[in-house]
Amino acid sequence: MKFDTPATSNPIDQLKVVGKPTDRIDGKYKTTGTAPYAYERHDVVANQAYGFIVGSGIAKGRVASMDVEEAKAAPGVLAIVTTLDMPRLGRGMLNAAYLFGGPEIQHYHQAIAVVVAESFEQARAAAHLVRVDYVRQRQVRPGGRGEERAAYRRRQR
């Protein structure tokens, strides 16, 4: 198949759009670095809060317990919501794992808590103070070593 002639008479094939300069309303601001980001719009809502997600440190297992007391005492922290505090949310059509709620860990860095604070930096610092105890579950995956590989082959037969 050769692509040496236009397929149709649309504006793209007629080169009326592609390769032509187009003025954008925000172009000057973006290219000069003066365009405001959404989180910089303090004039829209007073006393905005910022969140930082705490991700699971294991790939498969359960959250046995979470100690959030030190994080709650950190400067600027407004609230901490943990996956142990919430009922499990359902999965979306395109999600392989549950989104939040309940102790089950289905993948590495799965959201297990959200720290909300007066600034992003305060939320991030407090998130690092959350202590989590896990019950690890052995993963069986294709292409694993030794027993994992043998167990996978047995299940496939």
N, C-alpha and C. Protein backbone atom coordinates (compact mmCIF):
# COMPACT_ATOMS: atom_id res chain seq x y z
N MET A 1 0.84 -1.17 0.00
CA MET A 1 0.00 0.00 0.00
C MET A 1 0.89 1.24 0.00
N LYS A 2 0.60 2.17 -0.89
CA LYS A 2 1.35 3.43 -0.97
C LYS A 2 0.49 4.57 -0.46
N PHE A 3 1.15 5.49 0.20
CA PHE A 3 0.46 6.65 0.75
C PHE A 3 0.96 7.91 0.04
N ASP A 4 0.96 7.87 -1.28
CA ASP A 4 1.48 9.01 -2.03
C ASP A 4 0.39 9.96 -2.50
N THR A 5 -0.88 9.60 -2.30
CA THR A 5 -1.98 10.49 -2.66
C THR A 5 -2.93 10.59 -1.47
N PRO A 6 -3.60 11.74 -1.33
CA PRO A 6 -4.54 11.89 -0.22
C PRO A 6 -5.68 10.89 -0.32
N ALA A 7 -6.13 10.40 0.83
CA ALA A 7 -7.22 9.42 0.85
C ALA A 7 -8.56 10.09 0.59
N THR A 8 -8.75 11.30 1.11
CA THR A 8 -10.02 12.01 0.94
C THR A 8 -9.74 13.48 0.74
N SER A 9 -10.80 14.24 0.74
CA SER A 9 -10.64 15.69 0.57
C SER A 9 -10.88 16.43 1.87
N ASN A 10 -10.55 15.80 3.01
CA ASN A 10 -10.76 16.49 4.29
C ASN A 10 -9.67 17.54 4.52
N PRO A 11 -9.88 18.46 5.47
CA PRO A 11 -8.91 19.55 5.69
C PRO A 11 -7.51 19.06 6.05
N ILE A 12 -7.40 17.92 6.72
CA ILE A 12 -6.07 17.43 7.08
C ILE A 12 -5.32 16.99 5.83
N ASP A 13 -5.97 16.23 4.96
CA ASP A 13 -5.31 15.79 3.74
C ASP A 13 -4.99 16.93 2.80
N GLN A 14 -5.73 18.01 2.87
CA GLN A 14 -5.46 19.16 2.02
C GLN A 14 -4.40 20.09 2.62
N LEU A 15 -3.82 19.66 3.75
CA LEU A 15 -2.78 20.42 4.45
C LEU A 15 -3.24 21.82 4.84
N LYS A 16 -4.50 21.94 5.22
CA LYS A 16 -5.03 23.21 5.70
C LYS A 16 -4.90 23.35 7.21
N VAL A 17 -4.62 22.22 7.90
CA VAL A 17 -4.53 22.24 9.36
C VAL A 17 -3.12 21.88 9.80
N VAL A 18 -2.65 20.70 9.40
CA VAL A 18 -1.35 20.21 9.82
C VAL A 18 -0.25 21.06 9.19
N GLY A 19 0.69 21.47 10.01
CA GLY A 19 1.82 22.25 9.51
C GLY A 19 1.55 23.73 9.40
N LYS A 20 0.38 24.16 9.76
CA LYS A 20 0.04 25.59 9.68
C LYS A 20 0.09 26.19 11.07
N PRO A 21 0.58 27.43 11.20
CA PRO A 21 0.60 28.06 12.52
C PRO A 21 -0.83 28.34 13.00
N THR A 22 -1.06 28.07 14.27
CA THR A 22 -2.37 28.31 14.86
C THR A 22 -2.18 29.06 16.17
N ASP A 23 -2.84 30.19 16.29
CA ASP A 23 -2.74 30.96 17.53
C ASP A 23 -3.59 30.30 18.61
N ARG A 24 -3.01 30.20 19.80
CA ARG A 24 -3.75 29.67 20.95
C ARG A 24 -3.89 30.78 21.98
N ILE A 25 -5.02 30.82 22.63
CA ILE A 25 -5.28 31.85 23.63
C ILE A 25 -4.23 31.80 24.75
N ASP A 26 -3.89 30.58 25.19
CA ASP A 26 -2.96 30.43 26.30
C ASP A 26 -1.52 30.17 25.85
N GLY A 27 -1.27 30.18 24.56
CA GLY A 27 0.05 29.85 24.02
C GLY A 27 1.17 30.72 24.57
N LYS A 28 0.95 32.03 24.57
CA LYS A 28 1.98 32.95 25.05
C LYS A 28 2.31 32.69 26.52
N TYR A 29 1.29 32.43 27.32
CA TYR A 29 1.50 32.20 28.75
C TYR A 29 2.23 30.88 29.01
N LYS A 30 1.87 29.85 28.26
CA LYS A 30 2.53 28.55 28.44
C LYS A 30 3.98 28.59 27.99
N THR A 31 4.25 29.24 26.87
CA THR A 31 5.62 29.26 26.36
C THR A 31 6.54 30.18 27.15
N THR A 32 5.97 31.13 27.88
CA THR A 32 6.81 32.02 28.69
C THR A 32 6.86 31.58 30.15
N GLY A 33 6.12 30.51 30.50
CA GLY A 33 6.14 30.01 31.86
C GLY A 33 5.31 30.80 32.83
N THR A 34 4.41 31.64 32.34
CA THR A 34 3.57 32.44 33.23
C THR A 34 2.15 31.92 33.35
N ALA A 35 1.82 30.81 32.70
CA ALA A 35 0.47 30.23 32.81
C ALA A 35 0.30 29.63 34.21
N PRO A 36 -0.80 29.94 34.88
CA PRO A 36 -1.00 29.39 36.23
C PRO A 36 -1.46 27.93 36.17
N TYR A 37 -0.93 27.13 37.07
CA TYR A 37 -1.40 25.75 37.23
C TYR A 37 -2.64 25.79 38.12
N ALA A 38 -3.43 24.74 38.06
CA ALA A 38 -4.67 24.70 38.84
C ALA A 38 -4.39 24.86 40.33
N TYR A 39 -3.32 24.23 40.82
CA TYR A 39 -3.04 24.32 42.26
C TYR A 39 -2.53 25.69 42.68
N GLU A 40 -2.22 26.55 41.72
CA GLU A 40 -1.76 27.90 42.04
C GLU A 40 -2.91 28.90 42.12
N ARG A 41 -4.12 28.45 41.84
CA ARG A 41 -5.28 29.35 41.81
C ARG A 41 -5.88 29.51 43.20
N HIS A 42 -5.17 30.18 44.08
CA HIS A 42 -5.63 30.39 45.45
C HIS A 42 -6.75 31.42 45.52
N ASP A 43 -6.96 32.14 44.43
CA ASP A 43 -8.02 33.14 44.41
C ASP A 43 -9.41 32.51 44.21
N VAL A 44 -9.47 31.28 43.76
CA VAL A 44 -10.75 30.63 43.47
C VAL A 44 -11.42 30.13 44.75
N VAL A 45 -10.66 29.43 45.59
CA VAL A 45 -11.19 28.88 46.85
C VAL A 45 -10.18 29.18 47.95
N ALA A 46 -10.68 29.74 49.02
CA ALA A 46 -9.79 30.03 50.16
C ALA A 46 -9.51 28.75 50.95
N ASN A 47 -8.35 28.69 51.57
CA ASN A 47 -7.97 27.58 52.45
C ASN A 47 -8.06 26.22 51.76
N GLN A 48 -7.47 26.11 50.62
CA GLN A 48 -7.47 24.83 49.90
C GLN A 48 -6.68 23.80 50.68
N ALA A 49 -7.06 22.54 50.50
CA ALA A 49 -6.35 21.43 51.13
C ALA A 49 -5.66 20.62 50.04
N TYR A 50 -4.61 19.91 50.42
CA TYR A 50 -3.83 19.12 49.49
C TYR A 50 -3.74 17.69 50.00
N GLY A 51 -3.78 16.75 49.09
CA GLY A 51 -3.70 15.35 49.48
C GLY A 51 -2.47 14.67 48.93
N PHE A 52 -2.02 13.65 49.64
CA PHE A 52 -0.91 12.83 49.20
C PHE A 52 -1.27 11.38 49.48
N ILE A 53 -1.17 10.53 48.47
CA ILE A 53 -1.55 9.14 48.59
C ILE A 53 -0.40 8.32 49.15
N VAL A 54 -0.72 7.46 50.12
CA VAL A 54 0.24 6.50 50.65
C VAL A 54 0.02 5.21 49.89
N GLY A 55 1.06 4.72 49.22
CA GLY A 55 0.95 3.50 48.44
C GLY A 55 1.46 2.29 49.20
N SER A 56 0.93 1.13 48.85
CA SER A 56 1.35 -0.12 49.49
C SER A 56 2.82 -0.40 49.18
N GLY A 57 3.51 -0.93 50.17
CA GLY A 57 4.91 -1.30 49.99
C GLY A 57 5.09 -2.75 49.56
N ILE A 58 3.99 -3.48 49.40
CA ILE A 58 4.06 -4.87 48.94
C ILE A 58 3.13 -5.04 47.75
N ALA A 59 3.31 -6.15 47.04
CA ALA A 59 2.51 -6.38 45.84
C ALA A 59 1.27 -7.21 46.09
N LYS A 60 1.30 -8.06 47.11
CA LYS A 60 0.15 -8.94 47.35
C LYS A 60 0.10 -9.28 48.83
N GLY A 61 -1.09 -9.17 49.42
CA GLY A 61 -1.26 -9.49 50.83
C GLY A 61 -2.38 -8.70 51.45
N ARG A 62 -2.20 -8.38 52.74
CA ARG A 62 -3.22 -7.65 53.47
C ARG A 62 -2.55 -6.63 54.38
N VAL A 63 -3.28 -5.56 54.66
CA VAL A 63 -2.82 -4.60 55.65
C VAL A 63 -3.25 -5.13 57.01
N ALA A 64 -2.29 -5.45 57.87
CA ALA A 64 -2.60 -5.96 59.21
C ALA A 64 -2.98 -4.82 60.13
N SER A 65 -2.21 -3.72 60.06
CA SER A 65 -2.51 -2.55 60.89
C SER A 65 -1.81 -1.33 60.32
N MET A 66 -2.31 -0.17 60.72
CA MET A 66 -1.71 1.10 60.30
C MET A 66 -1.63 2.01 61.51
N ASP A 67 -0.45 2.60 61.71
CA ASP A 67 -0.26 3.56 62.78
C ASP A 67 -0.16 4.94 62.14
N VAL A 68 -1.19 5.77 62.35
CA VAL A 68 -1.22 7.09 61.73
C VAL A 68 -1.10 8.21 62.78
N GLU A 69 -0.86 7.86 64.03
CA GLU A 69 -0.84 8.87 65.10
C GLU A 69 0.26 9.91 64.89
N GLU A 70 1.45 9.46 64.54
CA GLU A 70 2.56 10.41 64.31
C GLU A 70 2.25 11.31 63.12
N ALA A 71 1.66 10.75 62.09
CA ALA A 71 1.30 11.54 60.91
C ALA A 71 0.20 12.55 61.24
N LYS A 72 -0.78 12.14 62.05
CA LYS A 72 -1.86 13.06 62.44
C LYS A 72 -1.33 14.25 63.24
N ALA A 73 -0.26 14.03 64.00
CA ALA A 73 0.32 15.08 64.83
C ALA A 73 1.26 16.00 64.04
N ALA A 74 1.54 15.67 62.80
CA ALA A 74 2.46 16.48 62.00
C ALA A 74 1.84 17.85 61.69
N PRO A 75 2.67 18.86 61.49
CA PRO A 75 2.16 20.21 61.22
C PRO A 75 1.30 20.25 59.96
N GLY A 76 0.16 20.94 60.06
CA GLY A 76 -0.70 21.19 58.91
C GLY A 76 -1.64 20.06 58.52
N VAL A 77 -1.54 18.91 59.14
CA VAL A 77 -2.39 17.77 58.75
C VAL A 77 -3.82 18.03 59.20
N LEU A 78 -4.75 17.88 58.25
CA LEU A 78 -6.17 18.09 58.52
C LEU A 78 -6.91 16.77 58.74
N ALA A 79 -6.53 15.74 57.99
CA ALA A 79 -7.20 14.45 58.10
C ALA A 79 -6.36 13.37 57.45
N ILE A 80 -6.60 12.14 57.86
CA ILE A 80 -6.00 10.97 57.22
C ILE A 80 -7.11 9.94 57.05
N VAL A 81 -7.30 9.50 55.83
CA VAL A 81 -8.29 8.47 55.53
C VAL A 81 -7.52 7.22 55.12
N THR A 82 -7.79 6.11 55.80
CA THR A 82 -7.08 4.87 55.46
C THR A 82 -8.05 3.88 54.83
N THR A 83 -7.47 2.93 54.15
CA THR A 83 -8.27 1.89 53.51
C THR A 83 -8.98 1.02 54.54
N LEU A 84 -8.48 0.99 55.77
CA LEU A 84 -9.12 0.23 56.84
C LEU A 84 -10.36 0.93 57.39
N ASP A 85 -10.46 2.24 57.13
CA ASP A 85 -11.61 3.02 57.61
C ASP A 85 -12.81 2.96 56.68
N MET A 86 -12.60 2.48 55.47
CA MET A 86 -13.62 2.56 54.44
C MET A 86 -14.07 1.18 53.97
N PRO A 87 -15.34 1.06 53.58
CA PRO A 87 -15.75 -0.19 52.93
C PRO A 87 -15.12 -0.25 51.54
N ARG A 88 -14.91 -1.43 51.03
CA ARG A 88 -14.25 -1.59 49.74
C ARG A 88 -15.09 -1.01 48.61
N LEU A 89 -14.46 -0.20 47.79
CA LEU A 89 -15.11 0.33 46.59
C LEU A 89 -15.08 -0.74 45.50
N GLY A 90 -16.03 -0.70 44.63
CA GLY A 90 -16.06 -1.64 43.52
C GLY A 90 -15.00 -1.33 42.49
N ARG A 91 -14.85 -2.23 41.55
CA ARG A 91 -13.90 -2.02 40.46
C ARG A 91 -14.62 -1.36 39.29
N GLY A 92 -13.91 -0.49 38.61
CA GLY A 92 -14.43 0.05 37.37
C GLY A 92 -14.27 -0.98 36.27
N MET A 93 -14.87 -0.73 35.14
CA MET A 93 -14.81 -1.69 34.03
C MET A 93 -13.37 -1.95 33.59
N LEU A 94 -12.51 -0.97 33.69
CA LEU A 94 -11.13 -1.11 33.21
C LEU A 94 -10.12 -1.34 34.33
N ASN A 95 -10.58 -1.45 35.58
CA ASN A 95 -9.67 -1.65 36.69
C ASN A 95 -9.45 -3.13 36.97
N ALA A 96 -8.20 -3.52 37.13
CA ALA A 96 -7.86 -4.90 37.47
C ALA A 96 -7.94 -5.13 38.97
N ALA A 97 -7.82 -4.07 39.75
CA ALA A 97 -7.83 -4.19 41.21
C ALA A 97 -8.88 -3.25 41.79
N TYR A 98 -9.27 -3.52 43.03
CA TYR A 98 -10.20 -2.63 43.72
C TYR A 98 -9.51 -1.32 44.00
N LEU A 99 -10.25 -0.23 43.98
CA LEU A 99 -9.63 1.08 44.08
C LEU A 99 -9.26 1.49 45.50
N PHE A 100 -10.14 1.25 46.46
CA PHE A 100 -9.85 1.69 47.83
C PHE A 100 -10.82 1.00 48.77
N GLY A 101 -10.40 0.76 49.98
CA GLY A 101 -11.27 0.19 50.98
C GLY A 101 -10.96 -1.26 51.25
N GLY A 102 -10.88 -1.58 52.53
CA GLY A 102 -10.59 -2.95 52.92
C GLY A 102 -9.10 -3.21 52.99
N PRO A 103 -8.71 -4.29 53.64
CA PRO A 103 -7.29 -4.55 53.88
C PRO A 103 -6.56 -5.26 52.74
N GLU A 104 -7.25 -5.73 51.73
CA GLU A 104 -6.61 -6.54 50.68
C GLU A 104 -5.71 -5.70 49.77
N ILE A 105 -4.49 -6.19 49.56
CA ILE A 105 -3.53 -5.54 48.65
C ILE A 105 -3.45 -6.39 47.39
N GLN A 106 -3.70 -5.79 46.25
CA GLN A 106 -3.68 -6.53 44.99
C GLN A 106 -2.54 -6.14 44.06
N HIS A 107 -1.87 -5.02 44.33
CA HIS A 107 -0.72 -4.63 43.51
C HIS A 107 0.17 -3.65 44.27
N TYR A 108 1.42 -3.59 43.84
CA TYR A 108 2.39 -2.69 44.46
C TYR A 108 1.94 -1.25 44.31
N HIS A 109 2.09 -0.48 45.33
CA HIS A 109 1.77 0.94 45.41
C HIS A 109 0.28 1.22 45.29
N GLN A 110 -0.54 0.22 45.63
CA GLN A 110 -1.98 0.41 45.69
C GLN A 110 -2.27 1.44 46.78
N ALA A 111 -3.21 2.34 46.54
CA ALA A 111 -3.55 3.37 47.52
C ALA A 111 -4.10 2.73 48.79
N ILE A 112 -3.47 3.01 49.92
CA ILE A 112 -3.94 2.47 51.20
C ILE A 112 -4.28 3.59 52.19
N ALA A 113 -3.91 4.81 51.88
CA ALA A 113 -4.26 5.95 52.74
C ALA A 113 -4.10 7.24 51.94
N VAL A 114 -4.79 8.27 52.41
CA VAL A 114 -4.66 9.61 51.84
C VAL A 114 -4.46 10.57 53.00
N VAL A 115 -3.38 11.33 52.94
CA VAL A 115 -3.10 12.33 53.96
C VAL A 115 -3.50 13.69 53.39
N VAL A 116 -4.33 14.42 54.12
CA VAL A 116 -4.80 15.74 53.68
C VAL A 116 -4.21 16.78 54.62
N ALA A 117 -3.60 17.81 54.02
CA ALA A 117 -2.94 18.85 54.82
C ALA A 117 -3.12 20.23 54.19
N GLU A 118 -2.63 21.22 54.88
CA GLU A 118 -2.76 22.60 54.42
C GLU A 118 -1.87 22.91 53.22
N SER A 119 -0.79 22.15 53.04
CA SER A 119 0.08 22.33 51.87
C SER A 119 0.48 20.96 51.34
N PHE A 120 0.88 20.93 50.09
CA PHE A 120 1.31 19.67 49.49
C PHE A 120 2.52 19.11 50.23
N GLU A 121 3.46 19.98 50.56
CA GLU A 121 4.67 19.55 51.25
C GLU A 121 4.36 18.95 52.62
N GLN A 122 3.42 19.54 53.34
CA GLN A 122 3.03 19.00 54.64
C GLN A 122 2.36 17.63 54.49
N ALA A 123 1.52 17.48 53.48
CA ALA A 123 0.85 16.20 53.23
C ALA A 123 1.86 15.12 52.88
N ARG A 124 2.82 15.46 52.04
CA ARG A 124 3.85 14.49 51.64
C ARG A 124 4.72 14.09 52.82
N ALA A 125 5.12 15.06 53.63
CA ALA A 125 5.97 14.76 54.79
C ALA A 125 5.21 13.87 55.78
N ALA A 126 3.95 14.15 56.02
CA ALA A 126 3.16 13.35 56.96
C ALA A 126 2.91 11.95 56.41
N ALA A 127 2.76 11.82 55.11
CA ALA A 127 2.52 10.51 54.50
C ALA A 127 3.69 9.57 54.77
N HIS A 128 4.88 10.12 54.85
CA HIS A 128 6.06 9.30 55.13
C HIS A 128 6.13 8.86 56.61
N LEU A 129 5.26 9.43 57.44
CA LEU A 129 5.22 9.05 58.85
C LEU A 129 4.21 7.94 59.13
N VAL A 130 3.40 7.58 58.14
CA VAL A 130 2.42 6.50 58.32
C VAL A 130 3.17 5.18 58.36
N ARG A 131 2.93 4.38 59.40
CA ARG A 131 3.58 3.07 59.55
C ARG A 131 2.56 1.98 59.28
N VAL A 132 2.93 1.04 58.42
CA VAL A 132 2.01 -0.01 57.99
C VAL A 132 2.63 -1.38 58.26
N ASP A 133 1.85 -2.27 58.84
CA ASP A 133 2.24 -3.67 59.00
C ASP A 133 1.43 -4.49 58.01
N TYR A 134 2.14 -5.36 57.27
CA TYR A 134 1.51 -6.17 56.23
C TYR A 134 1.57 -7.65 56.58
N VAL A 135 0.64 -8.39 56.03
CA VAL A 135 0.71 -9.84 55.98
C VAL A 135 0.93 -10.16 54.51
N ARG A 136 2.14 -10.59 54.21
CA ARG A 136 2.48 -10.86 52.81
C ARG A 136 1.85 -12.16 52.34
N GLN A 137 1.48 -12.14 51.07
CA GLN A 137 0.96 -13.35 50.43
C GLN A 137 1.86 -13.65 49.25
N ARG A 138 2.22 -14.90 49.13
CA ARG A 138 3.11 -15.28 48.05
C ARG A 138 2.42 -15.12 46.70
N GLN A 139 3.14 -14.52 45.78
CA GLN A 139 2.61 -14.34 44.44
C GLN A 139 2.99 -15.50 43.56
N VAL A 140 2.07 -15.98 42.79
CA VAL A 140 2.35 -16.99 41.78
C VAL A 140 2.11 -16.32 40.44
N ARG A 141 3.13 -16.28 39.64
CA ARG A 141 3.01 -15.57 38.36
C ARG A 141 3.72 -16.35 37.26
N PRO A 142 3.31 -16.15 36.05
CA PRO A 142 3.97 -16.84 34.94
C PRO A 142 5.44 -16.42 34.84
N GLY A 143 6.29 -17.35 34.55
CA GLY A 143 7.71 -17.05 34.36
C GLY A 143 8.46 -16.87 35.66
N GLY A 144 7.83 -17.20 36.80
CA GLY A 144 8.51 -17.10 38.08
C GLY A 144 9.57 -18.17 38.20
N ARG A 145 10.29 -18.18 39.30
CA ARG A 145 11.36 -19.16 39.49
C ARG A 145 10.88 -20.33 40.34
N GLY A 146 11.46 -21.48 40.12
CA GLY A 146 11.29 -22.64 40.98
C GLY A 146 9.85 -23.05 41.21
N GLU A 147 9.46 -23.02 42.49
CA GLU A 147 8.14 -23.49 42.88
C GLU A 147 7.03 -22.67 42.22
N GLU A 148 7.24 -21.36 42.07
CA GLU A 148 6.22 -20.53 41.45
C GLU A 148 5.94 -21.02 40.02
N ARG A 149 7.01 -21.27 39.27
CA ARG A 149 6.85 -21.71 37.89
C ARG A 149 6.17 -23.08 37.83
N ALA A 150 6.57 -23.99 38.71
CA ALA A 150 5.97 -25.32 38.73
C ALA A 150 4.49 -25.25 39.13
N ALA A 151 4.18 -24.41 40.11
CA ALA A 151 2.78 -24.27 40.54
C ALA A 151 1.94 -23.70 39.42
N TYR A 152 2.48 -22.75 38.68
CA TYR A 152 1.73 -22.17 37.56
C TYR A 152 1.48 -23.22 36.49
N ARG A 153 2.49 -24.04 36.17
CA ARG A 153 2.31 -25.08 35.16
C ARG A 153 1.26 -26.10 35.58
N ARG A 154 1.25 -26.46 36.87
CA ARG A 154 0.26 -27.41 37.36
C ARG A 154 -1.15 -26.88 37.19
N ARG A 155 -1.34 -25.58 37.46
CA ARG A 155 -2.68 -25.01 37.33
C ARG A 155 -3.12 -24.92 35.89
N GLN A 156 -2.19 -24.76 34.97
CA GLN A 156 -2.54 -24.61 33.56
C GLN A 156 -2.94 -25.93 32.90
N ARG A 157 -2.60 -27.07 33.49
CA ARG A 157 -2.92 -28.38 32.88
C ARG A 157 -4.33 -28.79 33.10
